[in-house]
Amino acid sequence: MTHPRRVLATILLAAAALTPAYARPSQNSGPAAPAPAATMTNKDVLDLVKAQLSPDIIVAKIQASSCSFDTSPSALKGLKSAGVPDAVILAMVKSSTGATGAPSKPVAGLVAHGRTLWIAKFTCPDEAASATAIVQTDDLTALKQSTLFDGVSSFSTDSEQPAGTWSLSAKVTSYAKGSASERVLLGLGTGRAHIVVAYELHDPTGAVVWSDSIKTEPSFWASGGGVGGIQDQHAATNEQSQKLLDALSKYFAKH
């Protein structure tokens, strides 16, 4: 006679063998891994803006997310036209350049602002072309040596403005190379050389955030003889780049 316990054990073993493998509990199974977060795109930002979330909330979401934004100039113009706040657009640009991620290894002597600058070709009347070229070269060199921007390039190396950069444009609005003969005949200061450059600084959205007209005259006179002698007026570009740096430093100190 078969023992009842043996019969029960045989039935349980047979049932286990017939149970599909996927229905059996795994001994090593734990809590399900969370699904990877979706990468944020321009469309996601537009949806959040349409939902009337505050700029602070959208910026925080961008900073906490993996992002793949289109920050080309045309895309930035489209975002602006769609009513996306400047603070949100700036966060998108910084995310695209890696400024919102883990900080990169610092470069000695460089202050990390998360901004780079592209300098457009300065415009001028033909008679001021030589002086304007000097001003542009001096401004580029001075801005590269400063800590106002993390990087500086110009139209001479980048024919088109790179996406996500600030830009500096300028126009010479007044120029005189000076005349030593006029100074001798008409008196002190007459015919003195000068240059006036009207600058505009644009943020990555293309908005003008700073503008100023800077005038420079020779910082000193050298006499070739006695009173009324020939005067060497020197270039009208002296100190122009330093005045530009001083003005931009004051702007960024307030923003």
C-alpha atoms as a PDB file:
ATOM      1  CA  MET A   1       0.000   0.000   0.000  1.00  0.00           C
ATOM      2  CA  THR A   2       1.386   3.350  -1.039  1.00  0.00           C
ATOM      3  CA  HIS A   3       1.993   5.806   1.782  1.00  0.00           C
ATOM      4  CA  PRO A   4      -0.237   8.939   1.492  1.00  0.00           C
ATOM      5  CA  ARG A   5       2.689  11.328   1.988  1.00  0.00           C
ATOM      6  CA  ARG A   6       4.595   9.774  -0.897  1.00  0.00           C
ATOM      7  CA  VAL A   7       1.552  10.142  -3.149  1.00  0.00           C
ATOM      8  CA  LEU A   8       1.250  13.869  -2.225  1.00  0.00           C
ATOM      9  CA  ALA A   9       4.948  14.491  -2.888  1.00  0.00           C
ATOM     10  CA  THR A  10       4.695  12.821  -6.300  1.00  0.00           C
ATOM     11  CA  ILE A  11       1.735  15.035  -7.264  1.00  0.00           C
ATOM     12  CA  LEU A  12       3.554  18.236  -6.202  1.00  0.00           C
ATOM     13  CA  LEU A  13       6.674  17.292  -8.205  1.00  0.00           C
ATOM     14  CA  ALA A  14       4.580  16.618 -11.296  1.00  0.00           C
ATOM     15  CA  ALA A  15       2.816  19.996 -10.969  1.00  0.00           C
ATOM     16  CA  ALA A  16       6.114  21.831 -10.658  1.00  0.00           C
ATOM     17  CA  ALA A  17       7.427  20.129 -13.795  1.00  0.00           C
ATOM     18  CA  LEU A  18       4.358  21.224 -15.760  1.00  0.00           C
ATOM     19  CA  THR A  19       4.539  24.888 -14.637  1.00  0.00           C
ATOM     20  CA  PRO A  20       6.046  27.119 -17.411  1.00  0.00           C
ATOM     21  CA  ALA A  21       9.490  28.480 -16.596  1.00  0.00           C
ATOM     22  CA  TYR A  22       8.367  32.105 -16.970  1.00  0.00           C
ATOM     23  CA  ALA A  23       5.688  31.579 -14.333  1.00  0.00           C
ATOM     24  CA  ARG A  24       8.137  30.380 -11.717  1.00  0.00           C
ATOM     25  CA  PRO A  25       9.501  32.998  -9.309  1.00  0.00           C
ATOM     26  CA  SER A  26      13.197  33.698  -9.890  1.00  0.00           C
ATOM     27  CA  GLN A  27      15.377  33.284  -6.853  1.00  0.00           C
ATOM     28  CA  ASN A  28      17.601  36.167  -8.002  1.00  0.00           C
ATOM     29  CA  SER A  29      14.884  38.584  -9.130  1.00  0.00           C
ATOM     30  CA  GLY A  30      14.810  41.961  -7.386  1.00  0.00           C
ATOM     31  CA  PRO A  31      12.937  45.205  -7.959  1.00  0.00           C
ATOM     32  CA  ALA A  32      12.594  46.119 -11.638  1.00  0.00           C
ATOM     33  CA  ALA A  33      15.217  48.583 -12.878  1.00  0.00           C
ATOM     34  CA  PRO A  34      13.754  52.013 -13.677  1.00  0.00           C
ATOM     35  CA  ALA A  35      13.386  52.858 -17.346  1.00  0.00           C
ATOM     36  CA  PRO A  36      16.092  55.261 -18.603  1.00  0.00           C
ATOM     37  CA  ALA A  37      14.967  58.896 -18.649  1.00  0.00           C
ATOM     38  CA  ALA A  38      14.158  60.271 -22.083  1.00  0.00           C
ATOM     39  CA  THR A  39      16.552  62.824 -23.547  1.00  0.00           C
ATOM     40  CA  MET A  40      15.132  66.355 -23.564  1.00  0.00           C
ATOM     41  CA  THR A  41      14.772  68.073 -26.928  1.00  0.00           C
ATOM     42  CA  ASN A  42      13.564  71.449 -28.165  1.00  0.00           C
ATOM     43  CA  LYS A  43      10.043  70.032 -28.437  1.00  0.00           C
ATOM     44  CA  ASP A  44      10.037  69.106 -24.755  1.00  0.00           C
ATOM     45  CA  VAL A  45      10.999  72.642 -23.813  1.00  0.00           C
ATOM     46  CA  LEU A  46       8.279  74.093 -26.033  1.00  0.00           C
ATOM     47  CA  ASP A  47       5.730  71.741 -24.436  1.00  0.00           C
ATOM     48  CA  LEU A  48       6.761  72.871 -20.940  1.00  0.00           C
ATOM     49  CA  VAL A  49       6.513  76.524 -21.951  1.00  0.00           C
ATOM     50  CA  LYS A  50       3.037  75.921 -23.438  1.00  0.00           C
ATOM     51  CA  ALA A  51       2.073  74.279 -20.137  1.00  0.00           C
ATOM     52  CA  GLN A  52       2.957  77.626 -18.503  1.00  0.00           C
ATOM     53  CA  LEU A  53       5.595  76.245 -16.164  1.00  0.00           C
ATOM     54  CA  SER A  54       7.854  78.932 -14.708  1.00  0.00           C
ATOM     55  CA  PRO A  55      11.297  79.506 -16.279  1.00  0.00           C
ATOM     56  CA  ASP A  56      12.967  78.434 -13.014  1.00  0.00           C
ATOM     57  CA  ILE A  57      11.260  75.045 -13.146  1.00  0.00           C
ATOM     58  CA  ILE A  58      12.140  74.486 -16.810  1.00  0.00           C
ATOM     59  CA  VAL A  59      15.775  75.495 -16.243  1.00  0.00           C
ATOM     60  CA  ALA A  60      15.996  73.110 -13.265  1.00  0.00           C
ATOM     61  CA  LYS A  61      14.584  70.302 -15.398  1.00  0.00           C
ATOM     62  CA  ILE A  62      17.150  71.006 -18.142  1.00  0.00           C
ATOM     63  CA  GLN A  63      20.008  70.994 -15.628  1.00  0.00           C
ATOM     64  CA  ALA A  64      18.834  67.674 -14.172  1.00  0.00           C
ATOM     65  CA  SER A  65      18.275  65.924 -17.519  1.00  0.00           C
ATOM     66  CA  SER A  66      20.185  64.427 -20.382  1.00  0.00           C
ATOM     67  CA  CYS A  67      19.687  66.892 -23.228  1.00  0.00           C
ATOM     68  CA  SER A  68      20.071  67.000 -26.979  1.00  0.00           C
ATOM     69  CA  PHE A  69      19.083  70.500 -28.073  1.00  0.00           C
ATOM     70  CA  ASP A  70      19.323  72.181 -31.448  1.00  0.00           C
ATOM     71  CA  THR A  71      20.981  75.515 -30.631  1.00  0.00           C
ATOM     72  CA  SER A  72      21.786  76.672 -34.139  1.00  0.00           C
ATOM     73  CA  PRO A  73      21.077  80.377 -34.771  1.00  0.00           C
ATOM     74  CA  SER A  74      17.900  79.547 -36.714  1.00  0.00           C
ATOM     75  CA  ALA A  75      16.650  77.250 -33.932  1.00  0.00           C
ATOM     76  CA  LEU A  76      17.343  79.911 -31.300  1.00  0.00           C
ATOM     77  CA  LYS A  77      15.348  82.443 -33.314  1.00  0.00           C
ATOM     78  CA  GLY A  78      12.484  79.940 -33.524  1.00  0.00           C
ATOM     79  CA  LEU A  79      12.531  79.403 -29.757  1.00  0.00           C
ATOM     80  CA  LYS A  80      12.478  83.152 -29.169  1.00  0.00           C
ATOM     81  CA  SER A  81       9.553  83.591 -31.570  1.00  0.00           C
ATOM     82  CA  ALA A  82       7.683  80.809 -29.759  1.00  0.00           C
ATOM     83  CA  GLY A  83       7.911  82.743 -26.488  1.00  0.00           C
ATOM     84  CA  VAL A  84      10.607  80.708 -24.752  1.00  0.00           C
ATOM     85  CA  PRO A  85      12.153  82.926 -22.010  1.00  0.00           C
ATOM     86  CA  ASP A  86      15.782  84.013 -22.450  1.00  0.00           C
ATOM     87  CA  ALA A  87      16.788  82.247 -19.216  1.00  0.00           C
ATOM     88  CA  VAL A  88      15.498  78.944 -20.599  1.00  0.00           C
ATOM     89  CA  ILE A  89      17.213  79.445 -23.978  1.00  0.00           C
ATOM     90  CA  LEU A  90      20.475  80.243 -22.200  1.00  0.00           C
ATOM     91  CA  ALA A  91      20.168  77.030 -20.153  1.00  0.00           C
ATOM     92  CA  MET A  92      19.646  75.089 -23.385  1.00  0.00           C
ATOM     93  CA  VAL A  93      22.759  76.642 -24.923  1.00  0.00           C
ATOM     94  CA  LYS A  94      24.838  75.913 -21.833  1.00  0.00           C
ATOM     95  CA  SER A  95      23.592  72.322 -21.832  1.00  0.00           C
ATOM     96  CA  SER A  96      24.626  71.932 -25.473  1.00  0.00           C
ATOM     97  CA  THR A  97      28.124  73.203 -24.707  1.00  0.00           C
ATOM     98  CA  GLY A  98      28.426  71.005 -21.623  1.00  0.00           C
ATOM     99  CA  ALA A  99      28.328  73.950 -19.213  1.00  0.00           C
ATOM    100  CA  THR A 100      25.546  72.420 -17.090  1.00  0.00           C
ATOM    101  CA  GLY A 101      27.172  69.016 -16.729  1.00  0.00           C
ATOM    102  CA  ALA A 102      30.102  67.916 -14.639  1.00  0.00           C
ATOM    103  CA  PRO A 103      32.712  70.649 -14.489  1.00  0.00           C
ATOM    104  CA  SER A 104      35.654  70.100 -16.783  1.00  0.00           C
ATOM    105  CA  LYS A 105      39.220  70.258 -15.615  1.00  0.00           C
ATOM    106  CA  PRO A 106      40.008  73.916 -14.954  1.00  0.00           C
ATOM    107  CA  VAL A 107      42.618  75.642 -17.070  1.00  0.00           C
ATOM    108  CA  ALA A 108      45.238  77.559 -15.129  1.00  0.00           C
ATOM    109  CA  GLY A 109      44.452  81.272 -15.031  1.00  0.00           C
ATOM    110  CA  LEU A 110      41.013  80.861 -16.641  1.00  0.00           C
ATOM    111  CA  VAL A 111      37.775  81.871 -14.942  1.00  0.00           C
ATOM    112  CA  ALA A 112      34.966  79.525 -16.034  1.00  0.00           C
ATOM    113  CA  HIS A 113      32.001  81.659 -17.094  1.00  0.00           C
ATOM    114  CA  GLY A 114      30.410  79.194 -19.508  1.00  0.00           C
ATOM    115  CA  ARG A 115      30.565  81.749 -22.329  1.00  0.00           C
ATOM    116  CA  THR A 116      32.597  82.006 -25.513  1.00  0.00           C
ATOM    117  CA  LEU A 117      32.843  84.956 -27.891  1.00  0.00           C
ATOM    118  CA  TRP A 118      32.916  85.312 -31.655  1.00  0.00           C
ATOM    119  CA  ILE A 119      33.996  88.664 -33.112  1.00  0.00           C
ATOM    120  CA  ALA A 120      32.451  89.768 -36.392  1.00  0.00           C
ATOM    121  CA  LYS A 121      34.300  91.842 -38.974  1.00  0.00           C
ATOM    122  CA  PHE A 122      34.206  95.487 -37.966  1.00  0.00           C
ATOM    123  CA  THR A 123      32.753  97.844 -40.568  1.00  0.00           C
ATOM    124  CA  CYS A 124      34.215 101.242 -41.459  1.00  0.00           C
ATOM    125  CA  PRO A 125      34.609 103.838 -44.202  1.00  0.00           C
ATOM    126  CA  ASP A 126      37.434 103.093 -46.644  1.00  0.00           C
ATOM    127  CA  GLU A 127      39.706 105.825 -45.292  1.00  0.00           C
ATOM    128  CA  ALA A 128      39.605 104.176 -41.845  1.00  0.00           C
ATOM    129  CA  ALA A 129      40.335 100.630 -43.052  1.00  0.00           C
ATOM    130  CA  SER A 130      43.927 100.534 -41.821  1.00  0.00           C
ATOM    131  CA  ALA A 131      43.131 101.990 -38.400  1.00  0.00           C
ATOM    132  CA  THR A 132      40.096  99.705 -38.050  1.00  0.00           C
ATOM    133  CA  ALA A 133      42.217  96.644 -38.791  1.00  0.00           C
ATOM    134  CA  ILE A 134      44.571  97.653 -35.989  1.00  0.00           C
ATOM    135  CA  VAL A 135      41.678  98.181 -33.583  1.00  0.00           C
ATOM    136  CA  GLN A 136      40.134  94.794 -34.450  1.00  0.00           C
ATOM    137  CA  THR A 137      43.424  92.949 -33.987  1.00  0.00           C
ATOM    138  CA  ASP A 138      44.127  94.691 -30.673  1.00  0.00           C
ATOM    139  CA  ASP A 139      40.584  94.003 -29.403  1.00  0.00           C
ATOM    140  CA  LEU A 140      40.841  90.312 -30.324  1.00  0.00           C
ATOM    141  CA  THR A 141      44.212  89.929 -28.606  1.00  0.00           C
ATOM    142  CA  ALA A 142      43.081  91.771 -25.487  1.00  0.00           C
ATOM    143  CA  LEU A 143      39.851  89.761 -25.138  1.00  0.00           C
ATOM    144  CA  LYS A 144      41.764  86.494 -25.571  1.00  0.00           C
ATOM    145  CA  GLN A 145      44.110  87.501 -22.757  1.00  0.00           C
ATOM    146  CA  SER A 146      41.264  88.596 -20.481  1.00  0.00           C
ATOM    147  CA  THR A 147      39.123  86.348 -18.259  1.00  0.00           C
ATOM    148  CA  LEU A 148      35.813  87.749 -19.513  1.00  0.00           C
ATOM    149  CA  PHE A 149      35.266  84.796 -21.869  1.00  0.00           C
ATOM    150  CA  ASP A 150      36.312  81.152 -21.829  1.00  0.00           C
ATOM    151  CA  GLY A 151      37.264  81.320 -25.484  1.00  0.00           C
ATOM    152  CA  VAL A 152      37.446  83.938 -28.230  1.00  0.00           C
ATOM    153  CA  SER A 153      37.454  83.492 -32.009  1.00  0.00           C
ATOM    154  CA  SER A 154      36.773  85.799 -34.928  1.00  0.00           C
ATOM    155  CA  PHE A 155      35.503  85.907 -38.495  1.00  0.00           C
ATOM    156  CA  SER A 156      39.067  85.273 -39.676  1.00  0.00           C
ATOM    157  CA  THR A 157      39.024  81.725 -38.251  1.00  0.00           C
ATOM    158  CA  ASP A 158      35.250  81.056 -38.192  1.00  0.00           C
ATOM    159  CA  SER A 159      33.543  82.583 -41.233  1.00  0.00           C
ATOM    160  CA  GLU A 160      30.150  82.048 -39.579  1.00  0.00           C
ATOM    161  CA  GLN A 161      29.278  82.495 -35.920  1.00  0.00           C
ATOM    162  CA  PRO A 162      29.434  79.138 -34.090  1.00  0.00           C
ATOM    163  CA  ALA A 163      26.212  78.065 -32.373  1.00  0.00           C
ATOM    164  CA  GLY A 164      25.853  78.989 -28.728  1.00  0.00           C
ATOM    165  CA  THR A 165      28.418  81.790 -28.691  1.00  0.00           C
ATOM    166  CA  TRP A 166      28.223  85.441 -27.733  1.00  0.00           C
ATOM    167  CA  SER A 167      29.168  87.854 -30.497  1.00  0.00           C
ATOM    168  CA  LEU A 168      30.775  91.279 -30.717  1.00  0.00           C
ATOM    169  CA  SER A 169      30.193  93.579 -33.676  1.00  0.00           C
ATOM    170  CA  ALA A 170      31.436  97.116 -34.247  1.00  0.00           C
ATOM    171  CA  LYS A 171      31.243 100.026 -36.667  1.00  0.00           C
ATOM    172  CA  VAL A 172      33.635 102.950 -36.990  1.00  0.00           C
ATOM    173  CA  THR A 173      31.365 106.008 -36.899  1.00  0.00           C
ATOM    174  CA  SER A 174      34.030 108.741 -36.942  1.00  0.00           C
ATOM    175  CA  TYR A 175      37.658 108.789 -37.919  1.00  0.00           C
ATOM    176  CA  ALA A 176      40.383 111.383 -38.541  1.00  0.00           C
ATOM    177  CA  LYS A 177      44.023 110.552 -39.093  1.00  0.00           C
ATOM    178  CA  GLY A 178      45.045 113.994 -37.893  1.00  0.00           C
ATOM    179  CA  SER A 179      46.975 116.723 -39.606  1.00  0.00           C
ATOM    180  CA  ALA A 180      50.235 118.098 -38.265  1.00  0.00           C
ATOM    181  CA  SER A 181      50.052 121.060 -40.662  1.00  0.00           C
ATOM    182  CA  GLU A 182      46.598 122.066 -39.428  1.00  0.00           C
ATOM    183  CA  ARG A 183      47.806 121.826 -35.847  1.00  0.00           C
ATOM    184  CA  VAL A 184      50.737 124.158 -36.551  1.00  0.00           C
ATOM    185  CA  LEU A 185      48.588 126.712 -38.350  1.00  0.00           C
ATOM    186  CA  LEU A 186      45.416 126.674 -36.234  1.00  0.00           C
ATOM    187  CA  GLY A 187      46.563 125.813 -32.745  1.00  0.00           C
ATOM    188  CA  LEU A 188      46.535 123.169 -30.018  1.00  0.00           C
ATOM    189  CA  GLY A 189      44.154 120.295 -30.615  1.00  0.00           C
ATOM    190  CA  THR A 190      43.157 121.269 -34.144  1.00  0.00           C
ATOM    191  CA  GLY A 191      43.457 118.430 -36.632  1.00  0.00           C
ATOM    192  CA  ARG A 192      44.087 115.876 -33.896  1.00  0.00           C
ATOM    193  CA  ALA A 193      43.668 112.217 -34.839  1.00  0.00           C
ATOM    194  CA  HIS A 194      40.756 110.249 -33.370  1.00  0.00           C
ATOM    195  CA  ILE A 195      38.610 107.155 -33.928  1.00  0.00           C
ATOM    196  CA  VAL A 196      35.101 106.399 -32.612  1.00  0.00           C
ATOM    197  CA  VAL A 197      33.946 102.772 -32.584  1.00  0.00           C
ATOM    198  CA  ALA A 198      30.334 101.815 -31.842  1.00  0.00           C
ATOM    199  CA  TYR A 199      30.297  98.322 -30.276  1.00  0.00           C
ATOM    200  CA  GLU A 200      27.418  95.875 -29.745  1.00  0.00           C
ATOM    201  CA  LEU A 201      27.593  92.721 -27.613  1.00  0.00           C
ATOM    202  CA  HIS A 202      25.033  90.007 -28.397  1.00  0.00           C
ATOM    203  CA  ASP A 203      24.187  87.085 -26.100  1.00  0.00           C
ATOM    204  CA  PRO A 204      23.733  83.541 -27.526  1.00  0.00           C
ATOM    205  CA  THR A 205      20.081  84.310 -28.384  1.00  0.00           C
ATOM    206  CA  GLY A 206      21.189  87.178 -30.625  1.00  0.00           C
ATOM    207  CA  ALA A 207      19.829  89.895 -28.332  1.00  0.00           C
ATOM    208  CA  VAL A 208      21.907  93.063 -27.885  1.00  0.00           C
ATOM    209  CA  VAL A 209      22.799  93.150 -24.194  1.00  0.00           C
ATOM    210  CA  TRP A 210      25.418  95.920 -24.232  1.00  0.00           C
ATOM    211  CA  SER A 211      26.402  98.730 -26.571  1.00  0.00           C
ATOM    212  CA  ASP A 212      28.702 101.731 -26.336  1.00  0.00           C
ATOM    213  CA  SER A 213      30.611 104.184 -28.530  1.00  0.00           C
ATOM    214  CA  ILE A 214      34.250 104.410 -27.517  1.00  0.00           C
ATOM    215  CA  LYS A 215      36.435 107.297 -28.677  1.00  0.00           C
ATOM    216  CA  THR A 216      40.201 107.180 -28.605  1.00  0.00           C
ATOM    217  CA  GLU A 217      42.747 109.886 -29.349  1.00  0.00           C
ATOM    218  CA  PRO A 218      46.535 109.688 -29.175  1.00  0.00           C
ATOM    219  CA  SER A 219      47.605 109.468 -25.562  1.00  0.00           C
ATOM    220  CA  PHE A 220      50.620 111.765 -25.993  1.00  0.00           C
ATOM    221  CA  TRP A 221      52.300 114.190 -28.366  1.00  0.00           C
ATOM    222  CA  ALA A 222      55.933 114.218 -29.397  1.00  0.00           C
ATOM    223  CA  SER A 223      57.409 117.479 -30.619  1.00  0.00           C
ATOM    224  CA  GLY A 224      59.895 117.554 -33.464  1.00  0.00           C
ATOM    225  CA  GLY A 225      61.130 121.024 -32.540  1.00  0.00           C
ATOM    226  CA  GLY A 226      60.184 124.137 -30.613  1.00  0.00           C
ATOM    227  CA  VAL A 227      56.796 125.731 -30.222  1.00  0.00           C
ATOM    228  CA  GLY A 228      54.852 125.378 -33.467  1.00  0.00           C
ATOM    229  CA  GLY A 229      57.116 122.597 -34.647  1.00  0.00           C
ATOM    230  CA  ILE A 230      55.950 119.454 -36.365  1.00  0.00           C
ATOM    231  CA  GLN A 231      53.912 117.224 -34.043  1.00  0.00           C
ATOM    232  CA  ASP A 232      53.932 113.436 -34.150  1.00  0.00           C
ATOM    233  CA  GLN A 233      50.337 112.540 -33.307  1.00  0.00           C
ATOM    234  CA  HIS A 234      50.812 108.758 -33.293  1.00  0.00           C
ATOM    235  CA  ALA A 235      48.034 106.319 -34.099  1.00  0.00           C
ATOM    236  CA  ALA A 236      44.467 107.106 -33.052  1.00  0.00           C
ATOM    237  CA  THR A 237      44.113 103.503 -31.880  1.00  0.00           C
ATOM    238  CA  ASN A 238      46.043 103.884 -28.623  1.00  0.00           C
ATOM    239  CA  GLU A 239      44.185 102.479 -25.584  1.00  0.00           C
ATOM    240  CA  GLN A 240      41.093 101.459 -27.601  1.00  0.00           C
ATOM    241  CA  SER A 241      41.226  97.802 -26.561  1.00  0.00           C
ATOM    242  CA  GLN A 242      41.779  98.703 -22.904  1.00  0.00           C
ATOM    243  CA  LYS A 243      38.746 100.989 -22.938  1.00  0.00           C
ATOM    244  CA  LEU A 244      36.700  98.135 -24.435  1.00  0.00           C
ATOM    245  CA  LEU A 245      37.871  95.714 -21.727  1.00  0.00           C
ATOM    246  CA  ASP A 246      37.045  98.230 -18.997  1.00  0.00           C
ATOM    247  CA  ALA A 247      33.540  98.772 -20.376  1.00  0.00           C
ATOM    248  CA  LEU A 248      32.805  95.038 -20.755  1.00  0.00           C
ATOM    249  CA  SER A 249      34.187  94.305 -17.286  1.00  0.00           C
ATOM    250  CA  LYS A 250      31.753  96.827 -15.798  1.00  0.00           C
ATOM    251  CA  TYR A 251      28.876  95.234 -17.711  1.00  0.00           C
ATOM    252  CA  PHE A 252      29.623  91.690 -16.550  1.00  0.00           C
ATOM    253  CA  ALA A 253      30.214  92.858 -12.979  1.00  0.00           C
ATOM    254  CA  LYS A 254      26.538  93.872 -12.917  1.00  0.00           C
ATOM    255  CA  HIS A 255      25.153  90.786 -14.668  1.00  0.00           C
END
